[in-house]
Amino acid sequence: MPAAKKRKKKKDDAPASSRGLEARKLASTDPPAAVKSLADRIEKDGGAVIGTYRDPLGGNWQVLAALPLDRVEPTPYQRDLSEAHVGKLAIAIDKLDRYLDPVIAVPADDGKYWSPNGYHRIGAMRNLGARSIVAIVVPEHEVAHRILALNTEKAHNLRERALEVIRLAEALAQMDDRPEKEFETEFEEPALLTLGLCYQINGRFSGGAFHSILKRIDKFSSSKLPKALEARRERAAKVMELNDAVNAAIAALKSRGMESPYLRAFVVARINPIRFQRKSVPDFDETIDKMIASAKKFDATKIKADQVARTGGPPSEEGS
């Protein structure tokens, strides 16, 4: 067996321990005026500043603080609260009798502090009757828009991710008319915007069946965000039309006695015109139009049960 090739070291490869600030520099020097102002606000709002410091990687200033729990709210774009997860967190925190995981908080205009990543921990602390919570308070308001990147306390499913992204987009469209493509960091992928609109139409929409296709054909728009959202609503309407046609094909298969959890994946795979196109970048409207036409012509009488069984793969994560 030939020896494995050694990876060539690039000139810009940094040693593992060379990035960011040294530990002693995190709390050194005088914080800037914006951070001092934030610290003053926290004290006036009934909180307590534990310390100001710079984060170890980017060197950005932030405040470690105790905040009154009634002043801390989730950002208005976030997924719905899972009461089951809140209950588990409350039990774990109560058993330990310690709160060890600060939330991220950003000052809001209404005297509150928005948390883009602590919804369930906030809920757990409220269930336990806590009066305050420890938070890392960040001066930059735009951090509140990084919901997906910051949320690590409970894994998002596709529906939750898509709904959070579209809620954020709709809120930003009211105050920021930059081109949609300039929000790539906040939205992560264009397919989530389209899927989010679909989930708003039907909460049981089977987005997982179409996600891989939309990731290939959906792109961020150069239009200003409000106008881009109008175009996305038209795209979402087309995807919902496709979903209805796929549901009809599934119903036809079920009428012939087929009850596999892979029926949706099977139908979508059969009508997918870009399944074997690996290098090209297909057009959104052209692809969806072809899929709708194929789904409407789907002939269940020509399908055998063993064909569905060979499809395999995970069943749809959402209902129809």
Protein backbone atom coordinates (compact mmCIF):
# COMPACT_ATOMS: atom_id res chain seq x y z
CA MET A 1 0.00 0.00 0.00
CA PRO A 2 1.49 3.38 -0.98
CA ALA A 3 2.29 5.78 1.82
CA ALA A 4 -0.32 8.45 2.46
CA LYS A 5 0.54 11.80 0.97
CA LYS A 6 1.38 14.46 3.48
CA ARG A 7 -0.76 17.56 3.34
CA LYS A 8 1.30 20.50 2.18
CA LYS A 9 1.35 23.27 4.71
CA LYS A 10 0.03 26.51 3.31
CA LYS A 11 1.89 29.72 3.95
CA ASP A 12 -1.09 31.22 5.75
CA ASP A 13 -1.64 28.21 8.03
CA ALA A 14 -1.46 29.53 11.57
CA PRO A 15 -0.12 27.53 14.52
CA ALA A 16 -2.91 26.15 16.68
CA SER A 17 -2.15 28.49 19.58
CA SER A 18 -1.55 31.74 17.69
CA ARG A 19 -5.09 33.04 17.07
CA GLY A 20 -6.78 35.76 19.09
CA LEU A 21 -5.76 37.41 22.34
CA GLU A 22 -3.62 36.16 25.17
CA ALA A 23 -5.57 35.42 28.33
CA ARG A 24 -4.20 38.40 30.26
CA LYS A 25 -5.35 40.81 27.55
CA LEU A 26 -9.05 39.87 27.69
CA ALA A 27 -9.76 42.17 30.63
CA SER A 28 -6.98 44.69 30.04
CA THR A 29 -7.22 48.38 29.10
CA ASP A 30 -10.21 50.70 29.35
CA PRO A 31 -13.39 49.62 27.49
CA PRO A 32 -14.72 51.94 24.73
CA ALA A 33 -17.49 54.46 25.36
CA ALA A 34 -20.23 52.23 23.89
CA VAL A 35 -19.38 49.46 26.35
CA LYS A 36 -19.26 51.88 29.30
CA SER A 37 -22.66 53.22 28.25
CA LEU A 38 -24.03 49.67 28.08
CA ALA A 39 -22.68 48.94 31.57
CA ASP A 40 -24.39 52.08 32.89
CA ARG A 41 -27.67 51.05 31.29
CA ILE A 42 -27.48 47.58 32.86
CA GLU A 43 -27.05 49.13 36.31
CA LYS A 44 -29.97 51.54 35.73
CA ASP A 45 -32.15 48.63 34.58
CA GLY A 46 -31.68 46.86 37.88
CA GLY A 47 -28.87 44.58 36.77
CA ALA A 48 -25.30 44.24 37.95
CA VAL A 49 -22.14 44.33 35.87
CA ILE A 50 -19.89 41.43 36.80
CA GLY A 51 -17.16 42.48 34.41
CA THR A 52 -16.28 43.88 30.99
CA TYR A 53 -13.92 41.96 28.76
CA ARG A 54 -12.93 41.19 25.18
CA ASP A 55 -13.74 37.88 23.57
CA PRO A 56 -10.65 35.68 23.07
CA LEU A 57 -10.93 35.26 19.29
CA GLY A 58 -12.21 38.50 17.76
CA GLY A 59 -11.25 40.83 20.59
CA ASN A 60 -14.78 42.28 20.67
CA TRP A 61 -15.90 43.99 23.86
CA GLN A 62 -18.82 42.56 25.82
CA VAL A 63 -20.27 42.68 29.33
CA LEU A 64 -20.80 39.79 31.73
CA ALA A 65 -23.81 40.81 33.77
CA ALA A 66 -26.64 39.69 36.02
CA LEU A 67 -29.96 40.83 34.54
CA PRO A 68 -33.44 40.89 36.07
CA LEU A 69 -35.18 37.91 34.51
CA ASP A 70 -38.31 39.91 33.72
CA ARG A 71 -36.27 42.15 31.42
CA VAL A 72 -34.88 39.30 29.30
CA GLU A 73 -36.93 38.06 26.34
CA PRO A 74 -36.21 35.90 23.29
CA THR A 75 -35.85 37.73 19.99
CA PRO A 76 -39.26 37.95 18.29
CA TYR A 77 -38.05 35.83 15.36
CA GLN A 78 -37.28 32.63 17.24
CA ARG A 79 -38.87 29.22 17.04
CA ASP A 80 -41.68 28.25 19.39
CA LEU A 81 -40.77 27.15 22.88
CA SER A 82 -40.55 23.41 23.54
CA GLU A 83 -42.17 22.89 26.93
CA ALA A 84 -40.68 19.38 27.12
CA HIS A 85 -37.16 20.74 26.66
CA VAL A 86 -37.80 23.53 29.17
CA GLY A 87 -38.90 20.90 31.68
CA LYS A 88 -35.75 18.84 31.18
CA LEU A 89 -33.54 21.90 31.59
CA ALA A 90 -35.38 22.98 34.74
CA ILE A 91 -34.89 19.56 36.31
CA ALA A 92 -31.18 19.53 35.42
CA ILE A 93 -30.56 23.05 36.75
CA ASP A 94 -32.55 22.34 39.91
CA LYS A 95 -30.65 19.11 40.62
CA LEU A 96 -27.31 20.85 40.24
CA ASP A 97 -28.60 23.88 42.18
CA ARG A 98 -26.40 26.05 39.98
CA TYR A 99 -26.93 28.08 36.81
CA LEU A 100 -23.75 27.68 34.77
CA ASP A 101 -24.59 28.58 31.18
CA PRO A 102 -25.03 32.35 30.51
CA VAL A 103 -27.36 33.38 27.73
CA ILE A 104 -26.40 35.91 25.06
CA ALA A 105 -28.29 39.20 25.37
CA VAL A 106 -28.52 42.34 23.25
CA PRO A 107 -30.05 45.61 24.50
CA ALA A 108 -33.38 46.38 22.83
CA ASP A 109 -35.11 49.74 22.37
CA ASP A 110 -38.01 48.92 24.71
CA GLY A 111 -35.90 48.59 27.86
CA LYS A 112 -35.69 44.84 27.44
CA TYR A 113 -32.74 42.61 26.56
CA TRP A 114 -33.23 40.26 23.62
CA SER A 115 -31.62 36.85 23.77
CA PRO A 116 -31.01 35.14 20.40
CA ASN A 117 -29.92 31.87 21.98
CA GLY A 118 -31.40 31.39 25.45
CA TYR A 119 -35.17 30.91 25.04
CA HIS A 120 -35.32 27.51 26.73
CA ARG A 121 -32.90 28.42 29.53
CA ILE A 122 -34.92 31.56 30.23
CA GLY A 123 -38.07 29.43 30.35
CA ALA A 124 -36.43 26.93 32.69
CA MET A 125 -35.27 29.65 35.08
CA ARG A 126 -38.77 31.15 35.11
CA ASN A 127 -40.24 27.75 35.89
CA LEU A 128 -37.86 27.52 38.84
CA GLY A 129 -38.92 30.95 40.11
CA ALA A 130 -35.55 32.64 39.51
CA ARG A 131 -35.39 36.43 39.79
CA SER A 132 -32.28 36.98 37.68
CA ILE A 133 -30.11 35.38 35.04
CA VAL A 134 -26.46 35.68 34.05
CA ALA A 135 -25.88 36.93 30.52
CA ILE A 136 -23.11 37.94 28.16
CA VAL A 137 -24.42 41.28 26.96
CA VAL A 138 -23.22 42.32 23.51
CA PRO A 139 -23.39 46.00 22.42
CA GLU A 140 -23.91 45.29 18.70
CA HIS A 141 -27.62 44.89 17.99
CA GLU A 142 -27.02 42.90 14.80
CA VAL A 143 -25.84 39.95 16.90
CA ALA A 144 -29.53 39.40 17.71
CA HIS A 145 -30.00 38.44 14.05
CA ARG A 146 -27.53 35.54 14.20
CA ILE A 147 -30.13 33.16 15.60
CA LEU A 148 -29.12 29.98 13.78
CA ALA A 149 -25.41 30.40 14.40
CA LEU A 150 -25.88 31.09 18.11
CA ASN A 151 -28.56 28.54 18.96
CA THR A 152 -26.81 25.46 20.30
CA GLU A 153 -28.94 24.60 23.34
CA LYS A 154 -31.41 22.48 21.30
CA ALA A 155 -30.85 21.29 17.75
CA HIS A 156 -33.12 22.91 15.17
CA ASN A 157 -35.13 20.81 12.79
CA LEU A 158 -35.71 22.13 9.29
CA ARG A 159 -39.10 23.63 10.09
CA GLU A 160 -37.73 25.60 13.05
CA ARG A 161 -34.75 26.89 11.08
CA ALA A 162 -36.89 27.98 8.14
CA LEU A 163 -39.50 29.72 10.28
CA GLU A 164 -36.86 31.60 12.26
CA VAL A 165 -35.16 32.79 9.08
CA ILE A 166 -38.35 34.01 7.41
CA ARG A 167 -39.52 35.77 10.58
CA LEU A 168 -36.17 37.53 10.76
CA ALA A 169 -36.33 38.46 7.07
CA GLU A 170 -39.82 39.91 7.39
CA ALA A 171 -38.76 41.98 10.40
CA LEU A 172 -35.60 43.25 8.70
CA ALA A 173 -37.53 44.18 5.57
CA GLN A 174 -39.40 46.77 7.65
CA MET A 175 -36.19 48.62 8.56
CA ASP A 176 -33.46 47.66 6.09
CA ASP A 177 -33.78 47.69 2.32
CA ARG A 178 -30.36 46.37 1.42
CA PRO A 179 -30.27 43.64 -1.25
CA GLU A 180 -31.27 40.22 0.01
CA LYS A 181 -27.85 38.77 -0.86
CA GLU A 182 -26.23 41.08 1.71
CA PHE A 183 -28.02 39.16 4.48
CA GLU A 184 -26.37 35.83 3.62
CA THR A 185 -24.72 35.65 7.05
CA GLU A 186 -28.05 36.02 8.87
CA PHE A 187 -30.16 33.81 6.58
CA GLU A 188 -27.48 31.13 5.93
CA GLU A 189 -29.13 29.68 2.81
CA PRO A 190 -31.80 30.99 0.41
CA ALA A 191 -33.82 27.78 0.51
CA LEU A 192 -34.67 28.47 4.15
CA LEU A 193 -36.46 31.67 3.17
CA THR A 194 -38.64 29.92 0.61
CA LEU A 195 -39.32 26.96 2.91
CA GLY A 196 -40.16 29.31 5.76
CA LEU A 197 -42.89 30.92 3.68
CA CYS A 198 -44.22 27.45 2.84
CA TYR A 199 -44.35 26.53 6.53
CA GLN A 200 -46.25 29.74 7.24
CA ILE A 201 -48.86 28.60 4.73
CA ASN A 202 -48.99 25.05 6.10
CA GLY A 203 -47.29 24.15 9.37
CA ARG A 204 -47.31 20.47 8.38
CA PHE A 205 -45.66 21.06 5.02
CA SER A 206 -43.12 18.34 4.18
CA GLY A 207 -40.15 20.61 3.58
CA GLY A 208 -37.57 17.89 4.08
CA ALA A 209 -38.68 16.20 0.86
CA PHE A 210 -37.81 19.28 -1.20
CA HIS A 211 -34.91 20.79 0.75
CA SER A 212 -32.05 19.18 -1.17
CA ILE A 213 -33.57 20.30 -4.49
CA LEU A 214 -34.20 23.86 -3.31
CA LYS A 215 -30.64 24.12 -1.99
CA ARG A 216 -29.44 23.63 -5.57
CA ILE A 217 -31.86 25.88 -7.42
CA ASP A 218 -32.62 28.67 -4.93
CA LYS A 219 -30.28 31.66 -4.88
CA PHE A 220 -30.05 34.91 -2.93
CA SER A 221 -31.52 37.83 -4.85
CA SER A 222 -29.81 41.10 -5.76
CA SER A 223 -33.16 42.87 -5.28
CA LYS A 224 -33.79 44.88 -2.15
CA LEU A 225 -35.07 42.74 0.68
CA PRO A 226 -38.74 43.87 0.62
CA LYS A 227 -38.98 43.24 -3.14
CA ALA A 228 -37.04 39.98 -2.84
CA LEU A 229 -39.57 38.70 -0.31
CA GLU A 230 -42.41 39.43 -2.75
CA ALA A 231 -40.65 37.25 -5.34
CA ARG A 232 -40.08 34.56 -2.71
CA ARG A 233 -43.78 34.43 -1.94
CA GLU A 234 -44.37 33.60 -5.59
CA ARG A 235 -41.73 30.87 -5.35
CA ALA A 236 -43.32 29.51 -2.19
CA ALA A 237 -46.70 29.37 -3.94
CA LYS A 238 -45.14 27.27 -6.69
CA VAL A 239 -43.56 24.91 -4.16
CA MET A 240 -46.92 24.52 -2.41
CA GLU A 241 -48.52 23.71 -5.78
CA LEU A 242 -45.82 21.07 -6.26
CA ASN A 243 -46.48 19.72 -2.76
CA ASP A 244 -50.19 19.36 -3.55
CA ALA A 245 -49.38 17.47 -6.77
CA VAL A 246 -47.01 15.16 -4.88
CA ASN A 247 -49.70 14.56 -2.23
CA ALA A 248 -52.11 13.53 -4.99
CA ALA A 249 -49.54 11.06 -6.36
CA ILE A 250 -49.00 9.64 -2.87
CA ALA A 251 -52.75 9.25 -2.40
CA ALA A 252 -52.92 7.32 -5.68
CA LEU A 253 -50.18 4.96 -4.49
CA LYS A 254 -51.92 4.44 -1.16
CA SER A 255 -55.16 3.62 -2.96
CA ARG A 256 -53.28 0.71 -4.49
CA GLY A 257 -52.32 -0.59 -1.04
CA MET A 258 -48.86 0.95 -0.69
CA GLU A 259 -48.24 2.29 2.83
CA SER A 260 -44.46 2.80 2.95
CA PRO A 261 -43.01 5.77 4.94
CA TYR A 262 -40.85 6.39 1.85
CA LEU A 263 -43.69 7.18 -0.55
CA ARG A 264 -42.97 10.92 -0.58
CA ALA A 265 -39.24 10.42 -1.13
CA PHE A 266 -40.05 7.96 -3.91
CA VAL A 267 -42.41 10.30 -5.75
CA VAL A 268 -40.10 13.31 -5.42
CA ALA A 269 -37.15 11.28 -6.69
CA ARG A 270 -39.16 10.07 -9.70
CA ILE A 271 -40.13 13.59 -10.75
CA ASN A 272 -36.81 15.30 -9.96
CA PRO A 273 -35.39 16.53 -13.31
CA ILE A 274 -32.01 17.50 -11.86
CA ARG A 275 -31.34 14.26 -10.04
CA PHE A 276 -28.40 13.37 -12.27
CA GLN A 277 -27.23 16.90 -13.08
CA ARG A 278 -24.19 17.38 -10.88
CA LYS A 279 -22.37 20.38 -12.33
CA SER A 280 -25.02 22.66 -13.82
CA VAL A 281 -26.94 25.27 -11.80
CA PRO A 282 -30.61 24.70 -12.71
CA ASP A 283 -33.20 27.48 -12.95
CA PHE A 284 -35.71 27.62 -10.08
CA ASP A 285 -38.91 28.20 -12.06
CA GLU A 286 -37.97 25.78 -14.83
CA THR A 287 -37.18 23.01 -12.35
CA ILE A 288 -40.32 23.43 -10.24
CA ASP A 289 -42.54 23.74 -13.32
CA LYS A 290 -41.14 20.47 -14.68
CA MET A 291 -41.70 18.75 -11.34
CA ILE A 292 -45.30 19.97 -11.12
CA ALA A 293 -46.02 18.72 -14.64
CA SER A 294 -44.42 15.33 -13.90
CA ALA A 295 -46.29 14.97 -10.61
CA LYS A 296 -49.61 15.68 -12.31
CA LYS A 297 -48.85 13.00 -14.92
CA PHE A 298 -47.65 10.47 -12.30
CA ASP A 299 -49.18 7.07 -13.08
CA ALA A 300 -49.52 5.01 -9.90
CA THR A 301 -50.68 1.94 -11.87
CA LYS A 302 -47.15 1.53 -13.28
CA ILE A 303 -45.48 1.44 -9.86
CA LYS A 304 -44.67 -1.80 -8.08
CA ALA A 305 -44.20 -2.13 -4.33
CA ASP A 306 -40.60 -3.36 -4.66
CA GLN A 307 -39.70 -0.12 -6.49
CA VAL A 308 -40.77 1.91 -3.47
CA ALA A 309 -38.94 -0.43 -1.09
CA ARG A 310 -35.68 0.13 -2.97
CA THR A 311 -35.98 3.89 -2.52
CA GLY A 312 -34.91 3.72 1.13
CA GLY A 313 -33.63 6.89 2.78
CA PRO A 314 -35.23 8.65 5.70
CA PRO A 315 -39.01 9.10 5.75
CA SER A 316 -40.39 12.65 5.65
CA GLU A 317 -39.83 14.51 8.91
CA GLU A 318 -43.07 16.48 8.67
CA GLY A 319 -46.64 15.64 7.86
CA SER A 320 -48.29 16.35 4.55
